[in-house]
Amino acid sequence: MKTFPVVVSSLMLALSMANGYAKTPDNTLVVAQSLDDITSLDPAQGFELSSVQSFNNLYQRLVQSNPNNPTELQPTLAASWASEQNSLTFTLKDNATFSSGNPVRPEDVIFSLGRVVKLNLAPAFILTQLGWNKDNVDSHLTKVSANQVKLTWDVNVGPSFVLSLLSAPAASIVDQKTAMAHDQENDLGHGWLNSHSAGSGPFKLRKYVPSQVLMMEANPSSPSGAPKLKYVLLKNVPDAATRQLLLEQGDADLVRNLGTDQYFSLQNKPGVKTLNLPYASLYYLMFNVENADNPALGKPEFWQAARYAFDYKGIAEDLMHGQFQVQQSFLPVGFNGALDDQPYQYNPEKAKQILKDAGISNPHFKLVVSNQPPYLDIAQALQSSFAKSGIDVELIPGVSSQIATNVKAHKYQATLTSWGPDYFDPHTNASAFAYNPENGSKTLAWRANWHIPALNKLTLEARSETDSAKRTAIYQDLQRQVRESSPYVVGLQNKKLVALRDDIKGYVQGITPEMVFYKNVSK
């Protein structure tokens, strides 16, 4: 049995050699991808793609979506639940334990959900939708018995919506005893959990070095059952071509974040298989409407011109060879109520005319974008299509995590990025694109500095509606309003490109970003 240092050393050596090894260690899945987006591995903060993908393997929630049918919520740490008006009572599974060996208790559920609200970091808005805040959340979480916990809320939403929220990665259940053993200055263990784990998932975090490596070790006592492999080793390999080479050589078992060129070149390679997976991720431009250096970005006419400067089909069909589809509304195809019509077409002359009529001279902006595929490829295509529309775009590529930090600090003019749902309900995207309350929730609208009291009201109305037809109609109205006048240009919905060695079995990845499962992987 290889120890952790041996496994890591083997991979490091493989990455430094021109000639690959025959295969990776038998007990280890080696994944090559970019890890630069990670800001935290604490479920109360981690909100980036690599972070949330780790949470399904390190933690469990009370309920989680079935990856093969995301609308179906399955009991996970909960054995069952009962609902009453504005309350849910969960009965926990018998004999469930964390990786530490500590039992999963109602106190852990109360601690975990409460700390997300109290820390009030990026994903906190998911739970504060229930009217919870740092002052009242403890009164809404109650231990009923040794294996039962009750959740209550004051806002006008039904139990099915609350269950969807509880399936989000932010609702992962944390081992209170372990976290609080590392409490520093009342941070509820946050500093320690940034780079450690305290969950009940099939794996536990063995080692994390930012922008280098994330290693998970099997947790045989997980309530979900023991995984088939001892280790999962995620190695930060920023260059897509290098990831491709590692897979071909056998020095990696699975690679993500591939560009279309790498994906197509791997097809029909001996020893390799490729996956083109449905994915509910939207790619969009977002402008900072209160940027002092570029006030034109706050004008609706600028946003409208940008809609006609975006070469939707050219990017989806020609540049990305059909690995994207055009989607111009904030709900991805596959979600209830998603609009899939396409009212905007690439029309540079119309974009020029809109800008001229609005008196916007010398239109330009700086576009911060991840240096990872496909973001930079798409950004370069937009730079060209916007130039033909009379708009000068200066590209500023960078590391994903730094770009995310700057966007959240409003230190940007425009960004090209993607957004995936946090749970399988239309409100997950509506609350990001069409909601900017005054309570400090760091939604996309907040990041855009877009103040929208009328849309805030309509978004809450949609959330509260219990008649499914009426609820769908409201979400469609919201999509049309955002599509017609907002600082976003939603343009594309992608598929996730993954390649792996053909001896890898049991890998599961679902439609939403966090649905990555290593438990049943074997080789």
Protein backbone atom coordinates (compact mmCIF):
# COMPACT_ATOMS: atom_id res chain seq x y z
CA MET A 1 0.00 0.00 0.00
CA LYS A 2 1.54 3.28 -1.07
CA THR A 3 1.70 6.05 1.48
CA PHE A 4 0.71 9.63 0.73
CA PRO A 5 4.27 10.96 0.24
CA VAL A 6 5.03 8.16 -2.21
CA VAL A 7 1.89 8.84 -4.23
CA VAL A 8 2.51 12.58 -4.42
CA SER A 9 6.18 12.13 -5.20
CA SER A 10 5.30 9.73 -8.01
CA LEU A 11 2.97 12.23 -9.59
CA MET A 12 5.38 15.12 -9.21
CA LEU A 13 8.07 13.08 -10.90
CA ALA A 14 5.70 12.10 -13.69
CA LEU A 15 4.82 15.71 -14.33
CA SER A 16 8.46 16.69 -14.58
CA MET A 17 9.47 13.96 -17.01
CA ALA A 18 9.11 14.07 -20.76
CA ASN A 19 8.48 10.34 -20.96
CA GLY A 20 5.43 9.04 -19.11
CA TYR A 21 5.06 6.08 -16.79
CA ALA A 22 3.01 3.05 -17.75
CA LYS A 23 0.23 3.81 -15.30
CA THR A 24 -0.71 5.59 -12.10
CA PRO A 25 -0.72 3.78 -8.73
CA ASP A 26 -3.35 1.04 -8.56
CA ASN A 27 -5.01 2.44 -5.46
CA THR A 28 -5.12 6.07 -6.63
CA LEU A 29 -7.22 8.02 -9.11
CA VAL A 30 -5.03 10.81 -10.49
CA VAL A 31 -6.98 13.77 -11.88
CA ALA A 32 -5.30 16.56 -13.82
CA GLN A 33 -7.23 19.82 -13.88
CA SER A 34 -6.93 23.45 -12.88
CA LEU A 35 -7.28 24.05 -9.13
CA ASP A 36 -6.52 27.77 -9.30
CA ASP A 37 -10.13 28.73 -8.66
CA ILE A 38 -10.23 27.37 -5.08
CA THR A 39 -10.51 30.05 -2.39
CA SER A 40 -11.61 27.74 0.45
CA LEU A 41 -12.50 24.11 1.15
CA ASP A 42 -14.90 25.10 3.91
CA PRO A 43 -18.49 24.47 2.69
CA ALA A 44 -19.46 27.74 4.38
CA GLN A 45 -17.23 29.62 1.92
CA GLY A 46 -16.15 27.42 -1.00
CA PHE A 47 -18.27 28.41 -3.98
CA GLU A 48 -15.97 27.82 -6.93
CA LEU A 49 -16.13 24.87 -9.31
CA SER A 50 -13.21 22.88 -7.87
CA SER A 51 -14.41 23.56 -4.31
CA VAL A 52 -18.00 22.40 -4.74
CA GLN A 53 -16.91 19.34 -6.71
CA SER A 54 -14.87 18.23 -3.71
CA PHE A 55 -17.77 18.65 -1.27
CA ASN A 56 -19.82 15.70 -2.61
CA ASN A 57 -16.86 13.49 -1.79
CA LEU A 58 -15.82 14.99 1.55
CA TYR A 59 -19.23 15.83 3.03
CA GLN A 60 -22.86 14.79 2.99
CA ARG A 61 -26.07 16.79 3.30
CA LEU A 62 -29.38 15.80 4.86
CA VAL A 63 -30.71 15.32 1.32
CA GLN A 64 -28.99 15.34 -2.06
CA SER A 65 -30.07 15.24 -5.70
CA ASN A 66 -29.94 12.00 -7.62
CA PRO A 67 -27.27 12.70 -10.29
CA ASN A 68 -29.26 10.66 -12.81
CA ASN A 69 -32.46 12.58 -12.07
CA PRO A 70 -31.63 15.88 -10.35
CA THR A 71 -35.26 16.74 -9.56
CA GLU A 72 -35.34 13.69 -7.27
CA LEU A 73 -34.07 14.44 -3.78
CA GLN A 74 -32.68 11.42 -1.97
CA PRO A 75 -32.26 11.03 1.80
CA THR A 76 -28.57 11.08 2.68
CA LEU A 77 -27.77 11.79 6.33
CA ALA A 78 -31.51 12.01 6.91
CA ALA A 79 -33.39 8.71 7.04
CA SER A 80 -36.72 10.48 6.62
CA TRP A 81 -38.47 13.78 7.16
CA ALA A 82 -41.90 15.15 7.97
CA SER A 83 -43.23 18.55 6.97
CA GLU A 84 -45.70 20.90 8.55
CA GLN A 85 -46.43 24.54 7.78
CA ASN A 86 -43.08 26.36 7.78
CA SER A 87 -41.20 23.46 9.33
CA LEU A 88 -39.35 20.25 8.53
CA THR A 89 -38.40 17.59 11.06
CA PHE A 90 -35.58 15.24 10.05
CA THR A 91 -34.82 11.85 11.52
CA LEU A 92 -31.12 11.09 11.14
CA LYS A 93 -29.74 7.77 9.95
CA ASP A 94 -28.83 5.30 12.66
CA ASN A 95 -25.14 4.90 13.49
CA ALA A 96 -23.94 7.50 10.97
CA THR A 97 -20.47 8.80 11.82
CA PHE A 98 -18.02 11.40 10.58
CA SER A 99 -14.55 10.49 9.35
CA SER A 100 -13.29 11.33 12.86
CA GLY A 101 -15.47 8.57 14.30
CA ASN A 102 -17.75 11.07 16.01
CA PRO A 103 -21.47 10.28 15.60
CA VAL A 104 -23.65 12.50 13.40
CA ARG A 105 -25.98 14.26 15.84
CA PRO A 106 -28.76 16.85 15.66
CA GLU A 107 -26.23 19.23 17.22
CA ASP A 108 -24.02 18.85 14.13
CA VAL A 109 -26.91 19.76 11.83
CA ILE A 110 -27.71 22.82 13.94
CA PHE A 111 -24.05 23.84 14.07
CA SER A 112 -23.47 23.35 10.34
CA LEU A 113 -26.46 25.27 9.03
CA GLY A 114 -26.08 27.95 11.67
CA ARG A 115 -22.38 28.57 10.98
CA VAL A 116 -23.06 29.20 7.27
CA VAL A 117 -25.44 31.98 8.25
CA LYS A 118 -23.24 33.36 11.02
CA LEU A 119 -20.05 33.43 8.94
CA ASN A 120 -22.06 35.10 6.14
CA LEU A 121 -19.61 34.21 3.38
CA ALA A 122 -20.30 33.74 -0.35
CA PRO A 123 -22.89 30.90 -0.25
CA ALA A 124 -24.71 32.18 2.85
CA PHE A 125 -27.47 33.71 0.72
CA ILE A 126 -28.71 30.19 -0.07
CA LEU A 127 -29.85 29.71 3.53
CA THR A 128 -30.64 33.33 4.42
CA GLN A 129 -33.46 33.06 1.87
CA LEU A 130 -35.33 31.38 4.73
CA GLY A 131 -35.24 34.60 6.71
CA TRP A 132 -32.39 33.30 8.85
CA ASN A 133 -29.71 35.68 10.06
CA LYS A 134 -26.94 35.55 12.65
CA ASP A 135 -29.29 36.83 15.35
CA ASN A 136 -32.24 34.48 14.80
CA VAL A 137 -30.87 31.34 13.17
CA ASP A 138 -30.41 29.49 16.47
CA SER A 139 -34.12 29.89 17.22
CA HIS A 140 -35.00 28.20 13.92
CA LEU A 141 -32.89 25.07 14.52
CA THR A 142 -34.02 22.78 17.33
CA LYS A 143 -32.97 19.40 18.64
CA VAL A 144 -36.16 17.33 19.02
CA SER A 145 -34.61 14.08 20.24
CA ALA A 146 -31.36 12.17 20.15
CA ASN A 147 -31.81 11.56 16.42
CA GLN A 148 -34.21 14.30 15.30
CA VAL A 149 -33.78 17.94 14.38
CA LYS A 150 -36.41 20.52 13.43
CA LEU A 151 -35.97 23.44 11.03
CA THR A 152 -38.43 26.33 10.89
CA TRP A 153 -38.70 29.47 8.78
CA ASP A 154 -40.82 32.62 8.71
CA VAL A 155 -40.76 33.47 5.00
CA ASN A 156 -43.52 32.37 2.63
CA VAL A 157 -41.98 29.29 0.99
CA GLY A 158 -42.98 25.66 0.93
CA PRO A 159 -41.11 22.60 2.22
CA SER A 160 -40.13 21.43 -1.28
CA PHE A 161 -38.21 24.65 -1.88
CA VAL A 162 -36.48 24.33 1.52
CA LEU A 163 -35.45 20.78 0.71
CA SER A 164 -33.88 22.05 -2.52
CA LEU A 165 -31.85 24.57 -0.52
CA LEU A 166 -30.71 21.85 1.86
CA SER A 167 -29.34 19.88 -1.10
CA ALA A 168 -26.85 22.67 -1.87
CA PRO A 169 -23.14 22.18 -1.04
CA ALA A 170 -23.35 25.00 1.51
CA ALA A 171 -25.70 22.80 3.56
CA SER A 172 -23.03 20.13 4.03
CA ILE A 173 -23.04 18.76 7.56
CA VAL A 174 -19.81 19.44 9.47
CA ASP A 175 -18.51 17.58 12.53
CA GLN A 176 -19.01 20.20 15.27
CA LYS A 177 -16.58 18.63 17.73
CA THR A 178 -13.74 18.50 15.20
CA ALA A 179 -14.38 21.98 13.80
CA MET A 180 -14.64 23.62 17.21
CA ALA A 181 -11.46 21.91 18.38
CA HIS A 182 -9.77 24.21 15.84
CA ASP A 183 -11.77 27.35 16.59
CA GLN A 184 -9.68 30.51 16.42
CA GLU A 185 -11.13 33.76 17.73
CA ASN A 186 -14.72 32.54 17.31
CA ASP A 187 -14.30 31.65 13.61
CA LEU A 188 -16.22 28.35 14.14
CA GLY A 189 -13.24 26.44 12.78
CA HIS A 190 -13.30 28.32 9.47
CA GLY A 191 -9.57 28.96 9.28
CA TRP A 192 -8.81 25.29 9.80
CA LEU A 193 -11.54 24.07 7.44
CA ASN A 194 -10.14 26.17 4.63
CA SER A 195 -7.61 23.37 4.14
CA HIS A 196 -8.99 20.42 6.13
CA SER A 197 -12.23 18.45 6.20
CA ALA A 198 -14.64 17.34 8.91
CA GLY A 199 -17.32 15.48 7.03
CA SER A 200 -18.97 12.09 6.62
CA GLY A 201 -18.42 11.68 2.87
CA PRO A 202 -16.69 8.68 1.28
CA PHE A 203 -13.37 10.55 1.42
CA LYS A 204 -11.55 12.85 3.83
CA LEU A 205 -9.03 15.53 2.95
CA ARG A 206 -5.51 14.18 3.33
CA LYS A 207 -3.51 17.09 1.91
CA TYR A 208 -4.22 20.42 0.26
CA VAL A 209 -1.56 22.77 -1.10
CA PRO A 210 -3.16 25.79 -2.82
CA SER A 211 -2.64 25.85 -6.58
CA GLN A 212 -0.72 22.59 -6.41
CA VAL A 213 -2.49 19.51 -5.14
CA LEU A 214 -5.64 18.31 -3.39
CA MET A 215 -5.56 14.77 -2.08
CA MET A 216 -8.49 12.83 -0.64
CA GLU A 217 -8.15 9.58 1.30
CA ALA A 218 -10.85 6.92 1.64
CA ASN A 219 -13.21 7.15 4.60
CA PRO A 220 -14.29 3.49 5.02
CA SER A 221 -16.76 4.38 7.79
CA SER A 222 -18.79 6.78 5.65
CA PRO A 223 -22.57 6.26 5.89
CA SER A 224 -22.51 6.14 2.07
CA GLY A 225 -20.20 3.11 2.17
CA ALA A 226 -16.48 2.74 1.60
CA PRO A 227 -15.07 3.95 -1.74
CA LYS A 228 -13.35 1.50 -4.05
CA LEU A 229 -10.05 3.40 -4.24
CA LYS A 230 -7.78 4.48 -1.40
CA TYR A 231 -6.89 7.91 -2.78
CA VAL A 232 -8.09 10.56 -5.19
CA LEU A 233 -5.31 12.93 -6.15
CA LEU A 234 -6.20 16.17 -7.94
CA LYS A 235 -3.17 17.86 -9.41
CA ASN A 236 -3.18 21.46 -10.58
CA VAL A 237 -2.07 21.41 -14.22
CA PRO A 238 -2.94 24.87 -15.62
CA ASP A 239 -2.13 24.09 -19.25
CA ALA A 240 -4.76 22.09 -21.13
CA ALA A 241 -2.23 20.67 -23.60
CA THR A 242 -0.16 19.34 -20.69
CA ARG A 243 -3.26 17.71 -19.22
CA GLN A 244 -3.86 16.00 -22.54
CA LEU A 245 -0.28 14.75 -22.67
CA LEU A 246 -0.44 13.37 -19.12
CA LEU A 247 -3.55 11.39 -19.98
CA GLU A 248 -2.05 10.01 -23.19
CA GLN A 249 1.12 8.95 -21.35
CA GLY A 250 -0.86 7.27 -18.59
CA ASP A 251 0.40 9.68 -15.92
CA ALA A 252 -3.18 10.87 -15.27
CA ASP A 253 -6.36 8.81 -15.13
CA LEU A 254 -8.83 11.61 -15.77
CA VAL A 255 -8.56 15.17 -17.09
CA ARG A 256 -10.95 18.12 -16.98
CA ASN A 257 -11.04 21.69 -18.26
CA LEU A 258 -10.18 20.57 -21.77
CA GLY A 259 -10.37 22.86 -24.75
CA THR A 260 -12.20 21.59 -27.79
CA ASP A 261 -8.91 21.03 -29.63
CA GLN A 262 -7.63 18.77 -26.87
CA TYR A 263 -10.98 16.99 -26.59
CA PHE A 264 -11.21 16.16 -30.27
CA SER A 265 -7.57 15.15 -30.53
CA LEU A 266 -8.11 12.61 -27.71
CA GLN A 267 -10.95 10.89 -29.51
CA ASN A 268 -9.93 7.52 -30.91
CA LYS A 269 -6.61 7.62 -29.03
CA PRO A 270 -5.62 4.15 -27.77
CA GLY A 271 -6.32 3.66 -24.08
CA VAL A 272 -8.49 6.80 -23.80
CA LYS A 273 -12.22 7.45 -23.78
CA THR A 274 -13.97 10.82 -23.95
CA LEU A 275 -17.20 12.00 -22.32
CA ASN A 276 -19.41 14.85 -23.54
CA LEU A 277 -21.73 15.39 -20.58
CA PRO A 278 -24.90 17.51 -20.31
CA TYR A 279 -24.22 20.48 -18.09
CA ALA A 280 -26.33 23.29 -16.71
CA SER A 281 -23.58 25.91 -16.92
CA LEU A 282 -24.18 29.28 -18.57
CA TYR A 283 -21.46 31.51 -20.00
CA TYR A 284 -22.11 35.24 -19.88
CA LEU A 285 -20.60 38.70 -19.97
CA MET A 286 -21.15 40.86 -16.91
CA PHE A 287 -20.51 44.59 -16.66
CA ASN A 288 -19.77 46.58 -13.50
CA VAL A 289 -22.38 49.32 -13.84
CA GLU A 290 -20.75 51.60 -11.25
CA ASN A 291 -17.20 51.58 -12.57
CA ALA A 292 -15.91 55.14 -12.15
CA ASP A 293 -13.34 54.77 -14.94
CA ASN A 294 -15.93 53.72 -17.50
CA PRO A 295 -19.40 55.18 -16.81
CA ALA A 296 -20.75 53.99 -20.17
CA LEU A 297 -20.93 50.47 -18.69
CA GLY A 298 -23.88 51.59 -16.58
CA LYS A 299 -26.02 52.59 -19.57
CA PRO A 300 -28.75 50.19 -20.77
CA GLU A 301 -27.94 51.19 -24.35
CA PHE A 302 -24.41 49.83 -23.90
CA TRP A 303 -25.81 46.55 -22.62
CA GLN A 304 -28.17 46.38 -25.60
CA ALA A 305 -25.38 47.02 -28.09
CA ALA A 306 -23.34 44.26 -26.44
CA ARG A 307 -26.15 41.80 -27.12
CA TYR A 308 -25.79 42.41 -30.86
CA ALA A 309 -21.97 42.40 -30.67
CA PHE A 310 -21.90 38.84 -29.25
CA ASP A 311 -21.31 36.29 -32.01
CA TYR A 312 -23.42 33.54 -30.47
CA LYS A 313 -23.54 30.97 -33.26
CA GLY A 314 -20.01 31.69 -34.45
CA ILE A 315 -18.67 30.76 -31.03
CA ALA A 316 -21.01 27.81 -30.36
CA GLU A 317 -20.76 26.19 -33.78
CA ASP A 318 -17.54 27.32 -35.44
CA LEU A 319 -15.16 27.99 -32.55
CA MET A 320 -16.44 25.33 -30.15
CA HIS A 321 -17.55 22.79 -32.74
CA GLY A 322 -20.96 22.24 -31.21
CA GLN A 323 -19.73 21.73 -27.65
CA PHE A 324 -21.88 24.73 -26.69
CA GLN A 325 -25.42 25.68 -27.57
CA VAL A 326 -26.79 29.20 -27.76
CA GLN A 327 -28.79 30.06 -24.64
CA GLN A 328 -29.75 33.68 -23.99
CA SER A 329 -31.79 33.35 -20.78
CA PHE A 330 -30.59 32.88 -17.21
CA LEU A 331 -32.21 29.46 -16.75
CA PRO A 332 -30.32 26.65 -18.48
CA VAL A 333 -32.14 24.30 -20.80
CA GLY A 334 -33.33 21.39 -18.66
CA PHE A 335 -34.69 23.57 -15.85
CA ASN A 336 -38.40 24.11 -15.41
CA GLY A 337 -39.48 27.29 -17.17
CA ALA A 338 -36.27 27.87 -19.14
CA LEU A 339 -36.76 30.03 -22.24
CA ASP A 340 -34.88 28.67 -25.21
CA ASP A 341 -35.84 31.18 -27.91
CA GLN A 342 -33.07 33.39 -29.30
CA PRO A 343 -34.22 36.99 -29.84
CA TYR A 344 -30.68 38.33 -30.39
CA GLN A 345 -28.45 37.63 -33.39
CA TYR A 346 -24.95 38.85 -34.10
CA ASN A 347 -25.44 42.21 -35.86
CA PRO A 348 -22.42 44.56 -35.57
CA GLU A 349 -24.06 47.31 -37.61
CA LYS A 350 -27.06 47.38 -35.29
CA ALA A 351 -24.71 47.50 -32.29
CA LYS A 352 -22.93 50.51 -33.81
CA GLN A 353 -26.24 52.27 -34.42
CA ILE A 354 -27.45 51.73 -30.86
CA LEU A 355 -24.24 53.23 -29.52
CA LYS A 356 -24.42 56.17 -31.93
CA ASP A 357 -28.05 56.94 -31.04
CA ALA A 358 -27.15 56.83 -27.35
CA GLY A 359 -24.26 59.26 -27.83
CA ILE A 360 -21.70 56.74 -26.59
CA SER A 361 -18.42 57.59 -28.29
CA ASN A 362 -15.25 55.51 -28.09
CA PRO A 363 -17.00 52.49 -26.51
CA HIS A 364 -14.53 50.22 -24.78
CA PHE A 365 -13.96 48.08 -21.72
CA LYS A 366 -11.38 45.92 -19.99
CA LEU A 367 -12.41 42.28 -19.85
CA VAL A 368 -10.96 40.12 -17.07
CA VAL A 369 -11.09 36.43 -17.94
CA SER A 370 -9.71 33.13 -16.71
CA ASN A 371 -6.67 31.92 -18.61
CA GLN A 372 -8.24 28.45 -18.69
CA PRO A 373 -10.09 27.00 -21.67
CA PRO A 374 -12.67 27.69 -22.90
CA TYR A 375 -12.87 31.14 -21.29
CA LEU A 376 -9.89 32.70 -23.00
CA ASP A 377 -10.85 31.20 -26.37
CA ILE A 378 -14.35 32.67 -26.10
CA ALA A 379 -13.00 36.01 -24.89
CA GLN A 380 -10.68 36.28 -27.88
CA ALA A 381 -13.61 35.57 -30.22
CA LEU A 382 -15.64 38.26 -28.47
CA GLN A 383 -12.77 40.71 -28.74
CA SER A 384 -12.97 40.25 -32.51
CA SER A 385 -16.76 40.40 -32.80
CA PHE A 386 -16.98 43.46 -30.54
CA ALA A 387 -14.26 45.20 -32.57
CA LYS A 388 -16.42 44.79 -35.68
CA SER A 389 -19.20 46.45 -33.70
CA GLY A 390 -16.99 49.44 -32.91
CA ILE A 391 -16.28 48.38 -29.32
CA ASP A 392 -12.67 48.02 -28.19
CA VAL A 393 -12.08 45.17 -25.73
CA GLU A 394 -8.85 44.86 -23.79
CA LEU A 395 -8.36 41.31 -22.55
CA ILE A 396 -6.84 40.79 -19.11
CA PRO A 397 -6.31 37.04 -18.57
CA GLY A 398 -5.59 35.81 -15.07
CA VAL A 399 -5.90 33.06 -12.48
CA SER A 400 -9.53 32.18 -11.80
CA SER A 401 -9.39 32.65 -8.02
CA GLN A 402 -7.84 36.13 -8.30
CA ILE A 403 -10.41 37.20 -10.88
CA ALA A 404 -13.22 35.96 -8.64
CA THR A 405 -11.79 37.91 -5.70
CA ASN A 406 -11.55 41.12 -7.73
CA VAL A 407 -15.06 40.75 -9.13
CA LYS A 408 -16.47 40.28 -5.64
CA ALA A 409 -14.56 43.42 -4.59
CA HIS A 410 -16.04 45.30 -7.59
CA LYS A 411 -12.53 45.85 -8.94
CA TYR A 412 -13.30 45.20 -12.60
CA GLN A 413 -15.03 46.69 -15.63
CA ALA A 414 -16.31 43.51 -17.26
CA THR A 415 -15.80 39.78 -16.91
CA LEU A 416 -16.56 36.71 -18.96
CA THR A 417 -17.38 33.81 -16.71
CA SER A 418 -19.84 31.00 -16.12
CA TRP A 419 -22.56 30.24 -13.62
CA GLY A 420 -23.96 26.91 -12.54
CA PRO A 421 -26.98 26.25 -10.31
CA ASP A 422 -26.54 25.63 -6.61
CA TYR A 423 -29.59 23.36 -6.35
CA PHE A 424 -32.18 22.06 -8.79
CA ASP A 425 -34.84 24.76 -8.67
CA PRO A 426 -35.39 27.82 -10.94
CA HIS A 427 -34.89 30.12 -8.00
CA THR A 428 -31.20 29.20 -7.79
CA ASN A 429 -30.41 31.22 -10.92
CA ALA A 430 -33.14 33.83 -10.47
CA SER A 431 -31.73 34.69 -7.05
CA ALA A 432 -28.32 35.22 -8.64
CA PHE A 433 -29.17 37.13 -11.82
CA ALA A 434 -32.34 38.98 -10.76
CA TYR A 435 -31.96 39.65 -7.04
CA ASN A 436 -29.90 42.22 -5.19
CA PRO A 437 -31.36 42.82 -1.72
CA GLU A 438 -30.00 45.38 0.70
CA ASN A 439 -28.85 42.74 3.18
CA GLY A 440 -25.42 42.33 1.63
CA SER A 441 -26.07 39.05 -0.20
CA LYS A 442 -23.28 38.76 -2.75
CA THR A 443 -25.38 37.71 -5.72
CA LEU A 444 -24.37 38.29 -9.35
CA ALA A 445 -26.56 41.38 -9.43
CA TRP A 446 -24.67 42.65 -6.38
CA ARG A 447 -21.35 41.94 -8.09
CA ALA A 448 -22.58 43.94 -11.08
CA ASN A 449 -23.65 46.83 -8.79
CA TRP A 450 -27.10 46.52 -10.36
CA HIS A 451 -29.89 47.84 -8.11
CA ILE A 452 -33.25 46.29 -9.00
CA PRO A 453 -36.01 46.67 -6.37
CA ALA A 454 -38.79 45.74 -8.82
CA LEU A 455 -37.02 42.54 -9.87
CA ASN A 456 -36.23 41.75 -6.24
CA LYS A 457 -39.95 41.80 -5.52
CA LEU A 458 -40.80 39.64 -8.54
CA THR A 459 -38.07 37.13 -7.67
CA LEU A 460 -39.47 36.71 -4.16
CA GLU A 461 -42.98 36.39 -5.61
CA ALA A 462 -41.81 33.54 -7.83
CA ARG A 463 -40.11 31.82 -4.92
CA SER A 464 -43.27 31.95 -2.80
CA GLU A 465 -45.72 30.80 -5.47
CA THR A 466 -46.95 27.26 -4.84
CA ASP A 467 -49.02 26.87 -8.02
CA SER A 468 -46.52 25.33 -10.46
CA ALA A 469 -47.98 26.91 -13.62
CA LYS A 470 -48.09 30.39 -12.10
CA ARG A 471 -44.58 29.95 -10.74
CA THR A 472 -43.24 28.97 -14.16
CA ALA A 473 -44.93 32.01 -15.74
CA ILE A 474 -43.25 34.37 -13.26
CA TYR A 475 -39.81 32.88 -13.91
CA GLN A 476 -40.35 33.29 -17.63
CA ASP A 477 -41.30 36.94 -17.11
CA LEU A 478 -38.14 37.43 -15.04
CA GLN A 479 -36.01 35.88 -17.77
CA ARG A 480 -37.47 38.19 -20.42
CA GLN A 481 -36.89 41.30 -18.31
CA VAL A 482 -33.29 40.38 -17.53
CA ARG A 483 -32.64 39.37 -21.12
CA GLU A 484 -33.97 42.67 -22.49
CA SER A 485 -32.20 45.09 -20.13
CA SER A 486 -29.51 44.03 -17.69
CA PRO A 487 -25.72 44.24 -17.35
CA TYR A 488 -25.43 40.59 -18.40
CA VAL A 489 -25.21 39.11 -21.87
CA VAL A 490 -26.06 35.45 -21.40
CA GLY A 491 -24.89 33.69 -24.53
CA LEU A 492 -23.98 30.03 -24.17
CA GLN A 493 -24.74 26.79 -22.35
CA ASN A 494 -21.98 24.25 -22.45
CA LYS A 495 -21.37 20.57 -22.14
CA LYS A 496 -18.64 19.30 -19.88
CA LEU A 497 -15.70 17.73 -21.69
CA VAL A 498 -13.93 14.99 -19.76
CA ALA A 499 -11.40 12.40 -20.89
CA LEU A 500 -10.20 9.38 -18.95
CA ARG A 501 -8.19 6.19 -19.33
CA ASP A 502 -10.33 3.36 -20.61
CA ASP A 503 -9.69 1.21 -17.53
CA ILE A 504 -11.48 3.72 -15.28
CA LYS A 505 -14.94 2.51 -14.28
CA GLY A 506 -17.71 4.00 -12.16
CA TYR A 507 -17.05 7.73 -12.60
CA VAL A 508 -20.26 9.76 -12.20
CA GLN A 509 -20.81 13.40 -13.11
CA GLY A 510 -24.26 15.02 -13.16
CA ILE A 511 -25.81 18.08 -14.79
CA THR A 512 -25.07 20.58 -12.02
CA PRO A 513 -21.53 21.77 -11.25
CA GLU A 514 -21.05 20.07 -7.91
CA MET A 515 -22.22 16.63 -9.10
CA VAL A 516 -18.83 14.91 -9.27
CA PHE A 517 -18.65 11.54 -7.54
CA TYR A 518 -15.53 9.42 -7.01
CA LYS A 519 -16.93 6.86 -4.57
CA ASN A 520 -17.55 4.08 -7.09
CA VAL A 521 -14.51 4.68 -9.29
CA SER A 522 -12.33 1.63 -9.85
CA LYS A 523 -9.45 0.80 -12.15
